[in-house]
N, C-alpha and C. Protein backbone atom coordinates (compact mmCIF):
# COMPACT_ATOMS: atom_id res chain seq x y z
N MET A 1 31.16 -24.88 -0.01
CA MET A 1 30.39 -25.32 1.49
C MET A 1 29.10 -24.42 1.60
N THR A 2 28.37 -25.21 2.09
CA THR A 2 26.72 -24.55 2.04
C THR A 2 26.96 -23.81 3.37
N ASP A 3 26.18 -22.46 3.33
CA ASP A 3 26.18 -21.56 4.36
C ASP A 3 24.89 -22.02 5.54
N THR A 4 25.44 -22.58 6.58
CA THR A 4 24.42 -23.19 7.57
C THR A 4 24.13 -21.93 8.69
N THR A 5 24.37 -20.98 8.65
CA THR A 5 23.89 -19.89 9.65
C THR A 5 22.59 -19.78 9.69
N VAL A 6 22.25 -19.95 11.05
CA VAL A 6 20.52 -19.73 11.40
C VAL A 6 20.25 -18.49 11.84
N THR A 7 19.19 -17.86 11.16
CA THR A 7 18.66 -16.55 11.53
C THR A 7 17.35 -16.90 12.21
N LYS A 8 17.09 -16.05 13.31
CA LYS A 8 15.88 -16.04 14.00
C LYS A 8 15.46 -14.71 13.76
N VAL A 9 14.08 -14.58 13.43
CA VAL A 9 13.24 -13.01 13.67
C VAL A 9 12.29 -13.13 14.75
N SER A 10 12.55 -12.36 15.87
CA SER A 10 11.47 -12.37 16.70
C SER A 10 10.26 -11.40 16.40
N SER A 11 9.21 -12.12 16.67
CA SER A 11 7.90 -11.21 16.09
C SER A 11 7.86 -9.75 16.93
N ALA A 12 8.56 -9.59 17.92
CA ALA A 12 8.69 -8.48 18.38
C ALA A 12 9.39 -7.50 17.78
N HIS A 13 10.29 -7.68 16.96
CA HIS A 13 11.55 -6.91 16.36
C HIS A 13 11.23 -7.15 14.58
N SER A 14 10.31 -7.75 14.31
CA SER A 14 9.95 -8.13 12.90
C SER A 14 9.92 -6.78 12.09
N PRO A 15 10.62 -6.31 10.84
CA PRO A 15 10.33 -5.43 10.08
C PRO A 15 9.01 -5.54 9.59
N THR A 16 8.26 -4.04 9.35
CA THR A 16 7.15 -4.17 8.66
C THR A 16 7.18 -3.58 7.33
N GLY A 17 6.40 -4.11 6.21
CA GLY A 17 6.49 -3.51 4.88
C GLY A 17 5.68 -2.55 4.80
N ASP A 18 5.58 -1.85 3.57
CA ASP A 18 4.87 -0.55 3.38
C ASP A 18 3.32 -0.79 3.29
N GLN A 19 3.02 -2.14 3.21
CA GLN A 19 1.74 -2.63 2.77
C GLN A 19 1.14 -3.26 4.16
N GLY A 20 1.73 -3.20 5.21
CA GLY A 20 1.36 -3.73 6.43
C GLY A 20 1.80 -5.21 6.77
N GLU A 21 2.56 -5.74 6.01
CA GLU A 21 2.98 -7.05 6.04
C GLU A 21 4.21 -6.94 7.23
N VAL A 22 4.21 -8.23 7.94
CA VAL A 22 5.35 -8.46 8.58
C VAL A 22 6.41 -9.40 8.16
N TYR A 23 7.69 -9.13 8.05
CA TYR A 23 8.60 -10.04 7.53
C TYR A 23 9.00 -10.95 8.52
N LEU A 24 8.97 -12.49 8.42
CA LEU A 24 9.31 -13.45 9.34
C LEU A 24 10.56 -13.71 9.24
N ALA A 25 11.30 -13.97 8.18
CA ALA A 25 12.51 -14.41 7.77
C ALA A 25 13.08 -13.86 6.60
N SER A 26 14.20 -13.82 6.07
CA SER A 26 14.78 -13.84 4.97
C SER A 26 16.20 -14.05 4.91
N GLY A 27 16.56 -14.78 3.93
CA GLY A 27 17.78 -15.61 3.68
C GLY A 27 18.26 -15.17 2.28
N LYS A 28 19.11 -16.02 1.99
CA LYS A 28 19.73 -15.59 0.66
C LYS A 28 19.01 -16.44 -0.63
N ARG A 29 18.13 -17.38 -0.24
CA ARG A 29 17.30 -17.76 -1.47
C ARG A 29 15.73 -17.35 -1.23
N LEU A 30 15.32 -16.97 -0.23
CA LEU A 30 13.98 -16.52 -0.17
C LEU A 30 13.59 -15.70 0.96
N SER A 31 12.54 -14.89 1.15
CA SER A 31 11.82 -14.61 2.24
C SER A 31 10.46 -14.63 2.41
N MET A 32 10.06 -14.55 3.90
CA MET A 32 8.96 -15.17 4.42
C MET A 32 8.25 -13.89 4.98
N ARG A 33 7.04 -13.71 4.61
CA ARG A 33 6.30 -12.81 5.62
C ARG A 33 4.87 -13.14 5.71
N MET A 34 4.25 -12.33 6.65
CA MET A 34 2.91 -12.58 7.26
C MET A 34 1.85 -11.60 6.70
N TRP A 35 0.72 -11.53 6.53
CA TRP A 35 -0.07 -10.75 6.27
C TRP A 35 -1.13 -10.98 7.39
N ARG A 36 -1.32 -10.32 8.28
CA ARG A 36 -2.06 -10.59 9.62
C ARG A 36 -3.40 -9.53 9.78
N ASP A 37 -4.48 -10.34 9.61
CA ASP A 37 -5.91 -9.63 9.74
C ASP A 37 -5.94 -8.28 8.89
N GLU A 38 -5.69 -8.54 7.48
CA GLU A 38 -5.89 -7.74 6.76
C GLU A 38 -7.29 -7.47 6.49
N PRO A 39 -7.80 -6.11 6.24
CA PRO A 39 -9.19 -6.02 6.33
C PRO A 39 -9.51 -6.11 4.78
N PRO A 40 -11.21 -6.27 4.51
CA PRO A 40 -11.53 -6.60 3.20
C PRO A 40 -11.02 -5.12 2.26
N SER A 41 -10.79 -5.56 0.98
CA SER A 41 -10.43 -4.48 0.23
C SER A 41 -10.71 -4.64 -1.24
N ARG A 42 -10.79 -3.50 -1.87
CA ARG A 42 -11.15 -3.59 -3.56
C ARG A 42 -9.95 -4.13 -4.02
N ASP A 43 -10.28 -4.34 -5.52
CA ASP A 43 -8.87 -4.60 -6.40
C ASP A 43 -7.71 -3.46 -6.10
N LYS A 44 -6.78 -3.92 -6.01
CA LYS A 44 -5.56 -3.23 -5.96
C LYS A 44 -5.22 -3.24 -7.40
N PRO A 45 -4.38 -2.35 -7.90
CA PRO A 45 -3.81 -2.52 -9.61
C PRO A 45 -3.26 -3.69 -9.72
N ALA A 46 -3.27 -4.30 -11.03
CA ALA A 46 -2.64 -5.40 -11.29
C ALA A 46 -1.20 -5.15 -11.55
N HIS A 47 -0.31 -5.96 -11.30
CA HIS A 47 1.18 -5.78 -11.52
C HIS A 47 1.88 -6.98 -11.74
N ARG A 48 3.20 -6.93 -12.30
CA ARG A 48 3.98 -8.08 -12.52
C ARG A 48 5.13 -7.92 -11.35
N GLN A 49 5.87 -9.12 -11.06
CA GLN A 49 6.87 -9.02 -10.11
C GLN A 49 7.90 -9.73 -10.94
N GLU A 50 9.27 -9.56 -10.49
CA GLU A 50 10.37 -10.36 -10.98
C GLU A 50 10.81 -11.53 -10.42
N TYR A 51 9.90 -12.04 -9.33
CA TYR A 51 10.17 -12.83 -8.40
C TYR A 51 9.00 -13.76 -8.21
N GLU A 52 9.15 -15.10 -7.94
CA GLU A 52 8.03 -16.04 -7.58
C GLU A 52 7.35 -15.73 -6.09
N VAL A 53 6.06 -15.76 -6.09
CA VAL A 53 5.50 -15.90 -4.86
C VAL A 53 4.71 -17.16 -4.51
N VAL A 54 4.81 -17.91 -3.25
CA VAL A 54 3.89 -18.93 -3.01
C VAL A 54 3.26 -18.45 -1.44
N GLY A 55 2.00 -19.05 -1.22
CA GLY A 55 1.42 -18.49 -0.20
C GLY A 55 0.33 -19.69 0.34
N TYR A 56 -0.05 -19.18 1.71
CA TYR A 56 -0.86 -20.45 2.36
C TYR A 56 -1.71 -19.44 3.27
N VAL A 57 -2.95 -19.91 3.13
CA VAL A 57 -4.03 -18.99 3.67
C VAL A 57 -4.52 -19.80 5.18
N ILE A 58 -4.20 -18.81 6.30
CA ILE A 58 -4.42 -19.32 7.53
C ILE A 58 -5.94 -18.90 7.81
N SER A 59 -6.35 -17.98 7.75
CA SER A 59 -7.92 -17.57 7.76
C SER A 59 -8.41 -16.53 6.80
N GLY A 60 -9.61 -16.41 6.86
CA GLY A 60 -10.23 -15.48 5.93
C GLY A 60 -10.26 -15.77 4.61
N ARG A 61 -10.79 -14.98 3.59
CA ARG A 61 -10.96 -15.51 2.20
C ARG A 61 -10.55 -14.31 1.19
N ALA A 62 -9.91 -14.41 0.25
CA ALA A 62 -9.62 -13.52 -0.74
C ALA A 62 -9.68 -14.15 -2.28
N GLU A 63 -9.59 -13.45 -3.31
CA GLU A 63 -9.40 -13.75 -4.67
C GLU A 63 -8.17 -13.27 -5.32
N LEU A 64 -7.56 -14.31 -5.68
CA LEU A 64 -6.14 -13.91 -6.79
C LEU A 64 -6.58 -14.07 -8.18
N GLU A 65 -6.62 -12.77 -8.80
CA GLU A 65 -6.71 -12.84 -10.23
C GLU A 65 -5.43 -12.62 -10.66
N ILE A 66 -5.20 -13.72 -11.57
CA ILE A 66 -3.96 -13.96 -12.17
C ILE A 66 -4.00 -14.18 -13.89
N GLU A 67 -3.48 -13.48 -14.66
CA GLU A 67 -3.48 -13.58 -16.02
C GLU A 67 -4.69 -13.97 -16.73
N GLY A 68 -5.93 -12.95 -16.02
CA GLY A 68 -7.31 -13.40 -16.61
C GLY A 68 -7.90 -14.60 -16.03
N GLN A 69 -7.24 -15.38 -15.03
CA GLN A 69 -8.18 -16.26 -14.12
C GLN A 69 -8.36 -15.94 -12.83
N THR A 70 -9.34 -16.20 -12.25
CA THR A 70 -9.67 -15.98 -10.77
C THR A 70 -9.78 -17.01 -9.94
N VAL A 71 -8.85 -17.15 -8.83
CA VAL A 71 -8.82 -18.18 -8.09
C VAL A 71 -9.35 -17.73 -6.46
N ARG A 72 -10.16 -18.53 -6.23
CA ARG A 72 -10.68 -18.20 -4.64
C ARG A 72 -9.56 -18.98 -3.60
N LEU A 73 -9.24 -18.04 -2.54
CA LEU A 73 -8.46 -18.69 -1.47
C LEU A 73 -9.07 -18.45 -0.15
N GLU A 74 -9.18 -19.95 0.41
CA GLU A 74 -9.57 -20.11 1.52
C GLU A 74 -8.88 -20.53 2.54
N PRO A 75 -9.29 -20.75 3.83
CA PRO A 75 -8.25 -21.42 5.10
C PRO A 75 -7.87 -22.48 4.51
N GLY A 76 -6.56 -22.88 4.51
CA GLY A 76 -6.04 -24.18 3.91
C GLY A 76 -5.54 -24.33 2.77
N ASP A 77 -5.98 -23.24 1.80
CA ASP A 77 -5.44 -23.16 0.41
C ASP A 77 -4.25 -22.53 0.35
N SER A 78 -3.43 -23.08 -0.68
CA SER A 78 -2.10 -22.41 -1.06
C SER A 78 -1.96 -21.87 -2.48
N TRP A 79 -1.06 -21.22 -2.90
CA TRP A 79 -1.06 -20.58 -4.26
C TRP A 79 0.41 -20.17 -4.67
N VAL A 80 0.56 -20.31 -5.76
CA VAL A 80 1.65 -19.67 -6.61
C VAL A 80 1.53 -18.64 -7.59
N VAL A 81 2.34 -17.60 -7.76
CA VAL A 81 2.30 -16.68 -8.55
C VAL A 81 3.75 -16.50 -9.24
N PRO A 82 3.65 -17.12 -10.55
CA PRO A 82 4.89 -17.19 -11.08
C PRO A 82 5.45 -15.87 -11.36
N ALA A 83 6.92 -15.79 -11.14
CA ALA A 83 7.67 -14.46 -11.80
C ALA A 83 7.11 -13.95 -13.19
N GLY A 84 6.71 -12.81 -13.20
CA GLY A 84 6.19 -12.29 -14.54
C GLY A 84 4.92 -12.32 -14.85
N SER A 85 4.06 -12.99 -13.85
CA SER A 85 2.67 -13.03 -14.13
C SER A 85 1.89 -11.82 -13.37
N GLU A 86 0.94 -11.22 -14.29
CA GLU A 86 0.12 -10.12 -14.09
C GLU A 86 -0.99 -10.56 -13.14
N HIS A 87 -1.15 -10.13 -12.02
CA HIS A 87 -1.82 -10.37 -10.92
C HIS A 87 -2.52 -9.31 -9.79
N THR A 88 -3.57 -9.53 -9.29
CA THR A 88 -3.80 -8.50 -8.17
C THR A 88 -4.66 -9.67 -7.07
N TYR A 89 -4.88 -9.17 -5.79
CA TYR A 89 -5.67 -9.68 -5.00
C TYR A 89 -6.79 -8.89 -4.41
N ARG A 90 -7.75 -9.71 -4.05
CA ARG A 90 -9.05 -8.85 -3.56
C ARG A 90 -9.33 -9.67 -2.59
N ILE A 91 -9.15 -8.95 -1.10
CA ILE A 91 -9.54 -9.44 0.21
C ILE A 91 -10.99 -9.56 0.57
N LEU A 92 -11.77 -10.54 0.71
CA LEU A 92 -13.04 -10.50 0.79
C LEU A 92 -13.59 -10.50 2.25
N GLU A 93 -12.78 -11.28 2.99
CA GLU A 93 -12.98 -11.42 4.65
C GLU A 93 -11.66 -11.08 5.16
N THR A 94 -11.63 -10.57 6.35
CA THR A 94 -10.40 -10.43 6.98
C THR A 94 -9.44 -11.54 6.84
N PHE A 95 -8.04 -11.55 6.50
CA PHE A 95 -7.36 -12.25 5.87
C PHE A 95 -5.84 -12.34 6.70
N THR A 96 -5.35 -13.51 6.93
CA THR A 96 -4.34 -14.12 7.53
C THR A 96 -3.67 -14.94 6.63
N ALA A 97 -2.55 -14.56 6.31
CA ALA A 97 -1.79 -15.57 5.12
C ALA A 97 -0.39 -15.44 5.13
N VAL A 98 0.54 -16.49 5.07
CA VAL A 98 2.05 -16.45 5.09
C VAL A 98 2.66 -16.63 3.32
N GLU A 99 3.15 -15.86 2.89
CA GLU A 99 3.98 -15.90 1.58
C GLU A 99 5.27 -15.94 1.62
N ALA A 100 5.80 -16.57 0.81
CA ALA A 100 7.54 -16.70 0.52
C ALA A 100 7.74 -16.21 -0.82
N THR A 101 8.82 -15.43 -0.88
CA THR A 101 9.19 -15.14 -2.24
C THR A 101 10.39 -15.68 -2.75
N ALA A 102 10.88 -15.98 -3.89
CA ALA A 102 12.16 -16.42 -4.28
C ALA A 102 12.34 -15.60 -5.74
N PRO A 103 13.74 -14.96 -5.70
CA PRO A 103 14.57 -14.71 -4.78
C PRO A 103 14.00 -13.72 -3.50
N PRO A 104 14.88 -13.53 -2.65
CA PRO A 104 14.17 -12.76 -1.35
C PRO A 104 14.05 -11.44 -1.59
N ALA A 105 13.11 -10.90 -0.71
CA ALA A 105 12.63 -9.58 -0.89
C ALA A 105 13.75 -8.52 -0.99
N GLN A 106 14.80 -8.52 -0.17
CA GLN A 106 15.76 -7.33 -0.17
C GLN A 106 16.60 -7.42 -1.68
N VAL A 107 16.63 -8.59 -2.47
CA VAL A 107 17.01 -8.63 -3.78
C VAL A 107 16.38 -7.58 -4.67
N HIS A 108 15.04 -7.25 -4.35
CA HIS A 108 14.10 -6.27 -5.31
C HIS A 108 13.75 -4.92 -4.43
N GLY A 109 14.56 -4.89 -3.18
CA GLY A 109 14.44 -3.46 -2.64
C GLY A 109 13.06 -3.47 -1.95
N ARG A 110 12.40 -4.66 -1.58
CA ARG A 110 11.19 -4.44 -1.05
C ARG A 110 11.21 -4.50 0.45
N GLU A 111 12.55 -4.99 0.94
CA GLU A 111 12.57 -5.17 2.45
C GLU A 111 12.66 -3.84 3.05
N GLN A 112 11.64 -3.66 4.21
CA GLN A 112 11.89 -2.40 5.16
C GLN A 112 12.57 -2.75 6.47
N SER A 113 13.17 -1.71 6.94
CA SER A 113 13.77 -1.76 8.34
C SER A 113 13.04 -1.33 9.37
């Protein structure tokens, strides 16, 4: 039987990650978080993750460098980082975006309380 439990996360009580992201929801198959008004930044070290990330840009601009390719992210754009892909982000202009990860954040010990 499918689990139909509904979970609501109030923005007033959303957990915050160690990089400033706010977790919006987390379930058995995925988690969703928001990067809100992230200031411009230099390249962060490239890294690989064991989970897939999909995102959508609400405002601002950034560059995603993935496996030697650079993708410019602007409002209305979406992106996918496949599991195991080496990547980094460079925020060019104050940036707000929503990301979802699969499997969910807590599977990889990333969720903060």
